[in-house]
N, C-alpha and C. Protein backbone atom coordinates (compact mmCIF):
# COMPACT_ATOMS: atom_id res chain seq x y z
N UNK A 1 0.83 -1.21 0.00
CA UNK A 1 0.00 0.00 0.00
C UNK A 1 0.87 1.26 0.00
N UNK A 2 1.99 1.21 0.74
CA UNK A 2 2.88 2.37 0.82
C UNK A 2 3.52 2.66 -0.54
N UNK A 3 3.68 1.64 -1.38
CA UNK A 3 4.26 1.85 -2.70
C UNK A 3 3.31 2.66 -3.59
N UNK A 4 2.02 2.40 -3.46
CA UNK A 4 1.03 3.11 -4.27
C UNK A 4 0.76 4.51 -3.71
N UNK A 5 0.69 4.62 -2.39
CA UNK A 5 0.40 5.89 -1.73
C UNK A 5 1.47 6.21 -0.68
N UNK A 6 2.63 6.70 -1.12
CA UNK A 6 3.69 7.00 -0.15
C UNK A 6 3.34 8.15 0.79
N UNK A 7 2.46 9.03 0.36
CA UNK A 7 2.01 10.16 1.18
C UNK A 7 0.48 10.18 1.15
N UNK A 8 -0.17 9.36 1.98
CA UNK A 8 -1.62 9.23 1.90
C UNK A 8 -2.40 10.51 2.19
N UNK A 9 -1.92 11.33 3.11
CA UNK A 9 -2.64 12.59 3.40
C UNK A 9 -2.55 13.54 2.22
N UNK A 10 -1.40 13.58 1.57
CA UNK A 10 -1.26 14.40 0.38
C UNK A 10 -2.21 13.92 -0.72
N UNK A 11 -2.27 12.62 -0.89
CA UNK A 11 -3.18 12.05 -1.90
C UNK A 11 -4.62 12.42 -1.61
N UNK A 12 -5.03 12.25 -0.37
CA UNK A 12 -6.40 12.58 0.01
C UNK A 12 -6.68 14.07 -0.21
N UNK A 13 -5.74 14.91 0.19
CA UNK A 13 -5.93 16.36 0.01
C UNK A 13 -6.02 16.75 -1.45
N UNK A 14 -5.17 16.17 -2.27
CA UNK A 14 -5.22 16.49 -3.70
C UNK A 14 -6.51 16.01 -4.35
N UNK A 15 -6.95 14.84 -3.98
CA UNK A 15 -8.20 14.32 -4.53
C UNK A 15 -9.37 15.23 -4.15
N UNK A 16 -9.45 15.57 -2.87
CA UNK A 16 -10.55 16.44 -2.40
C UNK A 16 -10.49 17.82 -3.05
N UNK A 17 -9.29 18.38 -3.15
CA UNK A 17 -9.14 19.70 -3.77
C UNK A 17 -9.56 19.65 -5.24
N UNK A 18 -9.18 18.60 -5.93
CA UNK A 18 -9.54 18.48 -7.34
C UNK A 18 -11.05 18.39 -7.53
N UNK A 19 -11.69 17.58 -6.70
CA UNK A 19 -13.14 17.44 -6.81
C UNK A 19 -13.83 18.76 -6.45
N UNK A 20 -13.36 19.42 -5.41
CA UNK A 20 -13.97 20.70 -5.03
C UNK A 20 -13.77 21.77 -6.10
N UNK A 21 -12.58 21.83 -6.68
CA UNK A 21 -12.31 22.83 -7.71
C UNK A 21 -13.11 22.59 -8.99
N UNK A 22 -13.34 21.32 -9.29
CA UNK A 22 -14.11 21.04 -10.51
C UNK A 22 -15.61 21.19 -10.26
N UNK A 23 -16.02 21.22 -9.01
CA UNK A 23 -17.44 21.37 -8.64
C UNK A 23 -18.32 20.31 -9.29
N UNK A 24 -17.76 19.11 -9.41
CA UNK A 24 -18.51 18.06 -10.08
C UNK A 24 -18.09 16.69 -9.56
N UNK A 25 -19.07 15.81 -9.50
CA UNK A 25 -18.79 14.41 -9.15
C UNK A 25 -18.90 13.52 -10.38
N UNK A 26 -18.81 14.13 -11.56
CA UNK A 26 -18.87 13.38 -12.81
C UNK A 26 -17.61 12.50 -12.92
N UNK A 27 -17.71 11.37 -13.61
CA UNK A 27 -16.56 10.45 -13.73
C UNK A 27 -15.27 11.10 -14.22
N UNK A 28 -15.29 12.02 -15.21
CA UNK A 28 -14.02 12.63 -15.61
C UNK A 28 -13.37 13.44 -14.48
N UNK A 29 -14.17 14.13 -13.68
CA UNK A 29 -13.64 14.90 -12.57
C UNK A 29 -13.03 13.99 -11.51
N UNK A 30 -13.72 12.90 -11.21
CA UNK A 30 -13.20 11.94 -10.24
C UNK A 30 -11.93 11.27 -10.77
N UNK A 31 -11.91 10.98 -12.07
CA UNK A 31 -10.72 10.34 -12.66
C UNK A 31 -9.52 11.28 -12.60
N UNK A 32 -9.73 12.57 -12.88
CA UNK A 32 -8.65 13.53 -12.80
C UNK A 32 -8.14 13.65 -11.37
N UNK A 33 -9.04 13.70 -10.43
CA UNK A 33 -8.65 13.76 -9.02
C UNK A 33 -7.86 12.54 -8.60
N UNK A 34 -8.30 11.37 -9.05
CA UNK A 34 -7.59 10.14 -8.72
C UNK A 34 -6.20 10.12 -9.36
N UNK A 35 -6.12 10.57 -10.60
CA UNK A 35 -4.83 10.63 -11.29
C UNK A 35 -3.86 11.54 -10.54
N UNK A 36 -4.33 12.71 -10.13
CA UNK A 36 -3.48 13.64 -9.37
C UNK A 36 -3.09 13.04 -8.02
N UNK A 37 -4.05 12.40 -7.37
CA UNK A 37 -3.79 11.81 -6.05
C UNK A 37 -2.77 10.69 -6.12
N UNK A 38 -2.69 10.00 -7.24
CA UNK A 38 -1.73 8.91 -7.38
C UNK A 38 -0.39 9.39 -7.94
N UNK A 39 -0.39 10.40 -8.79
CA UNK A 39 0.84 10.84 -9.46
C UNK A 39 1.68 11.78 -8.59
N UNK A 40 1.07 12.73 -7.94
CA UNK A 40 1.84 13.73 -7.18
C UNK A 40 2.70 13.11 -6.08
N UNK A 41 2.20 12.17 -5.30
CA UNK A 41 3.08 11.56 -4.29
C UNK A 41 4.26 10.81 -4.89
N UNK A 42 4.10 10.29 -6.10
CA UNK A 42 5.23 9.62 -6.76
C UNK A 42 6.31 10.64 -7.12
N UNK A 43 5.90 11.83 -7.52
CA UNK A 43 6.85 12.91 -7.79
C UNK A 43 7.56 13.30 -6.50
N UNK A 44 6.80 13.38 -5.43
CA UNK A 44 7.39 13.70 -4.13
C UNK A 44 8.42 12.65 -3.73
N UNK A 45 8.12 11.40 -3.99
CA UNK A 45 9.05 10.31 -3.67
C UNK A 45 10.32 10.47 -4.49
N UNK A 46 10.19 10.79 -5.78
CA UNK A 46 11.35 10.95 -6.65
C UNK A 46 12.24 12.11 -6.20
N UNK A 47 11.65 13.11 -5.60
CA UNK A 47 12.42 14.26 -5.13
C UNK A 47 13.13 13.97 -3.81
N UNK A 48 12.81 12.85 -3.20
CA UNK A 48 13.44 12.42 -1.93
C UNK A 48 13.33 13.49 -0.84
N UNK A 49 12.15 13.98 -0.65
CA UNK A 49 11.90 14.99 0.37
C UNK A 49 11.85 14.31 1.73
N UNK A 50 12.56 14.89 2.69
CA UNK A 50 12.58 14.33 4.04
C UNK A 50 11.19 14.37 4.63
N UNK A 51 10.81 13.33 5.35
CA UNK A 51 9.49 13.36 6.00
C UNK A 51 9.47 14.39 7.13
N UNK A 52 8.33 14.97 7.32
CA UNK A 52 8.16 15.94 8.39
C UNK A 52 7.71 15.20 9.63
N UNK A 53 8.41 15.46 10.73
CA UNK A 53 8.02 14.86 12.01
C UNK A 53 7.53 15.97 12.93
N UNK A 54 6.26 15.93 13.22
CA UNK A 54 5.67 16.91 14.13
C UNK A 54 5.74 16.32 15.53
N UNK A 55 6.45 17.01 16.40
CA UNK A 55 6.67 16.48 17.75
C UNK A 55 5.59 16.92 18.75
N UNK A 56 4.95 18.04 18.50
CA UNK A 56 3.95 18.55 19.43
C UNK A 56 2.75 19.08 18.64
N UNK A 57 1.84 18.19 18.25
CA UNK A 57 0.70 18.64 17.44
C UNK A 57 -0.16 19.70 18.13
N UNK A 58 -0.27 19.64 19.44
CA UNK A 58 -1.06 20.64 20.16
C UNK A 58 -0.50 22.04 20.03
N UNK A 59 0.81 22.14 19.89
CA UNK A 59 1.45 23.45 19.75
C UNK A 59 1.09 24.10 18.42
N UNK A 60 0.68 23.30 17.44
CA UNK A 60 0.27 23.86 16.15
C UNK A 60 -0.95 24.77 16.33
N UNK A 61 -1.90 24.32 17.13
CA UNK A 61 -3.10 25.13 17.37
C UNK A 61 -2.75 26.43 18.11
N UNK A 62 -1.86 26.32 19.07
CA UNK A 62 -1.43 27.50 19.81
C UNK A 62 -0.73 28.49 18.88
N UNK A 63 0.15 27.98 18.01
CA UNK A 63 0.85 28.83 17.05
C UNK A 63 -0.14 29.46 16.08
N UNK A 64 -1.09 28.68 15.58
CA UNK A 64 -2.09 29.22 14.64
C UNK A 64 -2.91 30.33 15.29
N UNK A 65 -3.27 30.15 16.55
CA UNK A 65 -4.00 31.20 17.27
C UNK A 65 -3.20 32.49 17.39
N UNK A 66 -1.92 32.34 17.72
CA UNK A 66 -1.05 33.51 17.83
C UNK A 66 -0.93 34.23 16.48
N UNK A 67 -0.77 33.46 15.43
CA UNK A 67 -0.61 34.05 14.11
C UNK A 67 -1.88 34.81 13.71
N UNK A 68 -3.04 34.23 13.94
CA UNK A 68 -4.30 34.90 13.60
C UNK A 68 -4.43 36.22 14.36
N UNK A 69 -4.15 36.19 15.65
CA UNK A 69 -4.23 37.41 16.46
C UNK A 69 -3.24 38.46 15.96
N UNK A 70 -2.01 38.03 15.68
CA UNK A 70 -0.98 38.97 15.23
C UNK A 70 -1.28 39.54 13.85
N UNK A 71 -1.85 38.75 12.97
CA UNK A 71 -2.21 39.24 11.64
C UNK A 71 -3.32 40.28 11.75
N UNK A 72 -4.29 40.03 12.59
CA UNK A 72 -5.38 41.00 12.78
C UNK A 72 -4.83 42.31 13.36
N UNK A 73 -4.01 42.20 14.40
CA UNK A 73 -3.40 43.40 15.00
C UNK A 73 -2.58 44.17 13.97
N UNK A 74 -1.80 43.42 13.20
CA UNK A 74 -0.94 44.05 12.22
C UNK A 74 -1.74 44.72 11.10
N UNK A 75 -2.84 44.10 10.69
CA UNK A 75 -3.71 44.73 9.70
C UNK A 75 -4.23 46.07 10.19
N UNK A 76 -4.63 46.11 11.44
CA UNK A 76 -5.15 47.36 12.02
C UNK A 76 -4.04 48.42 12.07
N UNK A 77 -2.84 48.01 12.51
CA UNK A 77 -1.73 48.96 12.60
C UNK A 77 -1.33 49.50 11.23
N UNK A 78 -1.26 48.63 10.23
CA UNK A 78 -0.89 49.07 8.88
C UNK A 78 -1.99 49.96 8.31
N UNK A 79 -3.25 49.65 8.57
CA UNK A 79 -4.35 50.49 8.09
C UNK A 79 -4.26 51.89 8.70
N UNK A 80 -3.89 51.98 9.99
CA UNK A 80 -3.74 53.28 10.62
C UNK A 80 -2.60 54.07 10.01
N UNK A 81 -1.51 53.39 9.67
CA UNK A 81 -0.37 54.06 9.04
C UNK A 81 -0.78 54.57 7.66
N UNK A 82 -1.45 53.72 6.89
CA UNK A 82 -1.86 54.11 5.54
C UNK A 82 -2.90 55.22 5.54
N UNK A 83 -3.73 55.24 6.58
CA UNK A 83 -4.75 56.29 6.69
C UNK A 83 -4.16 57.61 7.18
N UNK A 84 -2.88 57.59 7.53
CA UNK A 84 -2.22 58.82 7.96
C UNK A 84 -2.40 59.13 9.42
N UNK A 85 -2.92 58.23 10.21
CA UNK A 85 -3.14 58.48 11.63
C UNK A 85 -1.85 58.35 12.44
N UNK A 86 -0.84 57.70 11.84
CA UNK A 86 0.43 57.52 12.55
C UNK A 86 1.56 57.96 11.63
N UNK A 87 1.93 59.20 11.71
CA UNK A 87 2.97 59.74 10.84
C UNK A 87 4.36 59.58 11.46
N UNK A 88 4.42 59.17 12.72
CA UNK A 88 5.70 59.10 13.43
C UNK A 88 6.44 57.78 13.23
N UNK A 89 5.99 56.97 12.34
CA UNK A 89 6.58 55.64 12.17
C UNK A 89 7.94 55.71 11.49
N UNK A 90 8.78 54.72 11.80
CA UNK A 90 10.08 54.58 11.18
C UNK A 90 10.20 53.13 10.73
N UNK A 91 10.51 52.94 9.46
CA UNK A 91 10.69 51.57 8.98
C UNK A 91 12.18 51.26 8.93
N UNK A 92 12.50 49.97 8.94
CA UNK A 92 13.90 49.60 8.89
C UNK A 92 14.11 48.11 8.85
N UNK A 93 15.37 47.75 8.74
CA UNK A 93 15.78 46.36 8.71
C UNK A 93 16.38 45.98 10.06
N UNK A 94 16.10 44.76 10.50
CA UNK A 94 16.69 44.27 11.74
C UNK A 94 17.21 42.85 11.52
N UNK A 95 18.25 42.52 12.27
CA UNK A 95 18.79 41.17 12.26
C UNK A 95 18.29 40.45 13.50
N UNK A 96 17.79 39.25 13.30
CA UNK A 96 17.27 38.46 14.40
C UNK A 96 18.05 37.14 14.47
N UNK A 97 18.74 36.89 15.57
CA UNK A 97 19.43 35.61 15.71
C UNK A 97 18.41 34.49 15.97
N UNK A 98 18.50 33.43 15.18
CA UNK A 98 17.56 32.32 15.32
C UNK A 98 18.28 31.06 15.78
N UNK A 99 17.61 30.31 16.63
CA UNK A 99 18.12 29.00 17.05
C UNK A 99 17.52 27.88 16.22
N UNK A 100 16.52 28.20 15.42
CA UNK A 100 15.88 27.20 14.56
C UNK A 100 16.87 26.66 13.54
N UNK A 101 16.85 25.37 13.32
CA UNK A 101 17.70 24.75 12.30
C UNK A 101 16.88 23.96 11.29
N UNK A 102 15.73 23.46 11.70
CA UNK A 102 14.89 22.63 10.83
C UNK A 102 14.37 23.46 9.66
N UNK A 103 14.58 22.95 8.45
CA UNK A 103 14.20 23.74 7.27
C UNK A 103 12.69 23.93 7.14
N UNK A 104 11.91 22.98 7.62
CA UNK A 104 10.45 23.14 7.57
C UNK A 104 10.00 24.20 8.57
N UNK A 105 10.62 24.22 9.74
CA UNK A 105 10.28 25.25 10.73
C UNK A 105 10.66 26.63 10.22
N UNK A 106 11.81 26.73 9.56
CA UNK A 106 12.22 28.01 8.98
C UNK A 106 11.26 28.44 7.88
N UNK A 107 10.79 27.49 7.09
CA UNK A 107 9.83 27.81 6.03
C UNK A 107 8.52 28.32 6.62
N UNK A 108 8.05 27.69 7.69
CA UNK A 108 6.82 28.13 8.34
C UNK A 108 7.01 29.54 8.92
N UNK A 109 8.17 29.78 9.54
CA UNK A 109 8.44 31.11 10.09
C UNK A 109 8.47 32.16 8.97
N UNK A 110 9.06 31.81 7.83
CA UNK A 110 9.09 32.74 6.70
C UNK A 110 7.68 33.07 6.23
N UNK A 111 6.82 32.06 6.19
CA UNK A 111 5.42 32.28 5.77
C UNK A 111 4.70 33.18 6.78
N UNK A 112 4.92 32.91 8.07
CA UNK A 112 4.26 33.71 9.11
C UNK A 112 4.69 35.18 9.00
N UNK A 113 5.99 35.41 8.91
CA UNK A 113 6.50 36.78 8.89
C UNK A 113 6.04 37.51 7.63
N UNK A 114 6.13 36.85 6.50
CA UNK A 114 5.78 37.50 5.24
C UNK A 114 4.27 37.71 5.10
N UNK A 115 3.47 36.85 5.69
CA UNK A 115 2.02 37.01 5.57
C UNK A 115 1.46 37.99 6.60
N UNK A 116 2.28 38.43 7.53
CA UNK A 116 1.83 39.42 8.50
C UNK A 116 2.10 40.80 7.93
N UNK A 117 1.06 41.60 7.74
CA UNK A 117 1.25 42.93 7.16
C UNK A 117 2.24 43.77 7.97
N UNK A 118 3.12 44.46 7.25
CA UNK A 118 4.09 45.32 7.90
C UNK A 118 5.43 44.66 8.17
N UNK A 119 5.54 43.36 7.90
CA UNK A 119 6.80 42.67 8.09
C UNK A 119 7.14 41.87 6.84
N UNK A 120 8.44 41.66 6.63
CA UNK A 120 8.87 40.93 5.46
C UNK A 120 10.16 40.17 5.75
N UNK A 121 10.16 38.89 5.49
CA UNK A 121 11.37 38.06 5.58
C UNK A 121 12.22 38.44 4.38
N UNK A 122 13.43 38.94 4.61
CA UNK A 122 14.28 39.39 3.52
C UNK A 122 15.34 38.35 3.18
N UNK A 123 16.05 37.86 4.21
CA UNK A 123 17.16 36.96 3.96
C UNK A 123 17.45 36.14 5.21
N UNK A 124 17.92 34.92 4.99
CA UNK A 124 18.35 34.08 6.11
C UNK A 124 19.77 33.63 5.85
N UNK A 125 20.65 33.91 6.79
CA UNK A 125 22.05 33.48 6.71
C UNK A 125 22.19 32.22 7.55
N UNK A 126 22.21 31.07 6.87
CA UNK A 126 22.25 29.78 7.57
C UNK A 126 23.54 29.63 8.37
N UNK A 127 24.66 30.11 7.85
CA UNK A 127 25.94 29.96 8.55
C UNK A 127 25.93 30.68 9.90
N UNK A 128 25.32 31.83 9.95
CA UNK A 128 25.26 32.61 11.20
C UNK A 128 23.97 32.39 11.97
N UNK A 129 22.96 31.80 11.32
CA UNK A 129 21.67 31.63 11.97
C UNK A 129 20.97 32.95 12.20
N UNK A 130 21.10 33.87 11.23
CA UNK A 130 20.50 35.20 11.38
C UNK A 130 19.50 35.47 10.28
N UNK A 131 18.38 36.03 10.70
CA UNK A 131 17.31 36.44 9.80
C UNK A 131 17.39 37.96 9.61
N UNK A 132 17.32 38.38 8.37
CA UNK A 132 17.19 39.81 8.08
C UNK A 132 15.73 40.06 7.75
N UNK A 133 15.12 40.96 8.50
CA UNK A 133 13.69 41.21 8.38
C UNK A 133 13.45 42.71 8.22
N UNK A 134 12.48 43.06 7.38
CA UNK A 134 12.09 44.46 7.24
C UNK A 134 10.79 44.67 8.01
N UNK A 135 10.76 45.78 8.76
CA UNK A 135 9.58 46.11 9.56
C UNK A 135 9.10 47.50 9.17
N UNK A 136 7.82 47.61 8.88
CA UNK A 136 7.24 48.90 8.47
C UNK A 136 7.21 49.89 9.62
N UNK A 137 6.94 49.41 10.83
CA UNK A 137 6.83 50.28 12.01
C UNK A 137 7.82 49.80 13.07
N UNK A 138 9.07 50.20 12.91
CA UNK A 138 10.15 49.74 13.78
C UNK A 138 10.30 50.69 14.96
N UNK A 139 9.63 50.36 16.05
CA UNK A 139 9.68 51.20 17.24
C UNK A 139 10.90 50.83 18.07
N UNK A 140 11.02 49.54 18.39
CA UNK A 140 12.12 49.07 19.23
C UNK A 140 12.61 47.74 18.66
N UNK A 141 13.87 47.70 18.28
CA UNK A 141 14.44 46.51 17.66
C UNK A 141 14.39 45.31 18.60
N UNK A 142 14.70 45.50 19.85
CA UNK A 142 14.71 44.39 20.81
C UNK A 142 13.31 43.80 21.01
N UNK A 143 12.30 44.64 20.94
CA UNK A 143 10.92 44.14 21.05
C UNK A 143 10.61 43.20 19.89
N UNK A 144 11.05 43.55 18.70
CA UNK A 144 10.81 42.68 17.55
C UNK A 144 11.57 41.36 17.67
N UNK A 145 12.81 41.43 18.15
CA UNK A 145 13.60 40.20 18.35
C UNK A 145 12.88 39.29 19.34
N UNK A 146 12.44 39.84 20.45
CA UNK A 146 11.74 39.04 21.47
C UNK A 146 10.41 38.50 20.93
N UNK A 147 9.71 39.30 20.13
CA UNK A 147 8.44 38.86 19.55
C UNK A 147 8.66 37.63 18.67
N UNK A 148 9.61 37.69 17.78
CA UNK A 148 9.86 36.57 16.87
C UNK A 148 10.33 35.35 17.65
N UNK A 149 11.24 35.54 18.59
CA UNK A 149 11.80 34.41 19.32
C UNK A 149 10.79 33.80 20.30
N UNK A 150 10.08 34.64 21.03
CA UNK A 150 9.17 34.13 22.06
C UNK A 150 7.83 33.66 21.51
N UNK A 151 7.28 34.39 20.56
CA UNK A 151 5.94 34.05 20.07
C UNK A 151 5.96 32.97 19.00
N UNK A 152 7.00 32.96 18.17
CA UNK A 152 7.01 32.03 17.04
C UNK A 152 8.11 30.97 17.13
N UNK A 153 9.34 31.40 17.30
CA UNK A 153 10.45 30.44 17.26
C UNK A 153 10.34 29.38 18.33
N UNK A 154 9.95 29.76 19.53
CA UNK A 154 9.87 28.77 20.62
C UNK A 154 8.84 27.69 20.29
N UNK A 155 7.68 28.08 19.75
CA UNK A 155 6.68 27.10 19.39
C UNK A 155 7.10 26.26 18.18
N UNK A 156 7.75 26.88 17.21
CA UNK A 156 8.22 26.12 16.05
C UNK A 156 9.28 25.11 16.46
N UNK A 157 10.12 25.45 17.40
CA UNK A 157 11.11 24.49 17.89
C UNK A 157 10.42 23.33 18.62
N UNK A 158 9.38 23.65 19.37
CA UNK A 158 8.61 22.62 20.05
C UNK A 158 7.93 21.69 19.05
N UNK A 159 7.45 22.23 17.95
CA UNK A 159 6.74 21.44 16.95
C UNK A 159 7.70 20.60 16.11
N UNK A 160 8.79 21.19 15.63
CA UNK A 160 9.63 20.53 14.64
C UNK A 160 10.93 19.94 15.16
N UNK A 161 11.48 20.47 16.25
CA UNK A 161 12.82 20.01 16.64
C UNK A 161 12.80 19.19 17.91
């Protein structure tokens, strides 16, 4: 069974997404979904992607909650800046030392930072373990370092490492 479906959750997700996107349960739609569900995991196998091991599934919910709250807060702050209510802002680049080493955890952190309005993942120096990040409203550099390390990195380390 593992030979046919090396990544069963991926197969299930692709099949469901295909059926939902086609908005049809007609045989051609189901056949296309089945073809994608069987072919894509074989491509993943050929790429020899390391399996992801989630060590603390409960921490995922906690991280997701934090991200949702932070994205909402950030949307409000960026809207105030764009509306001209906060003219005293200073934008800038900051370096954040990271202890994260797992590439999947780093990828998730990059997605979190880039999807939060007002922040942008610019560069990661793997040799030094430093993230270069741009912040639209840079009030205090140390506050941003603590925010990234305490709110996100600690949970990502719990989940992935």
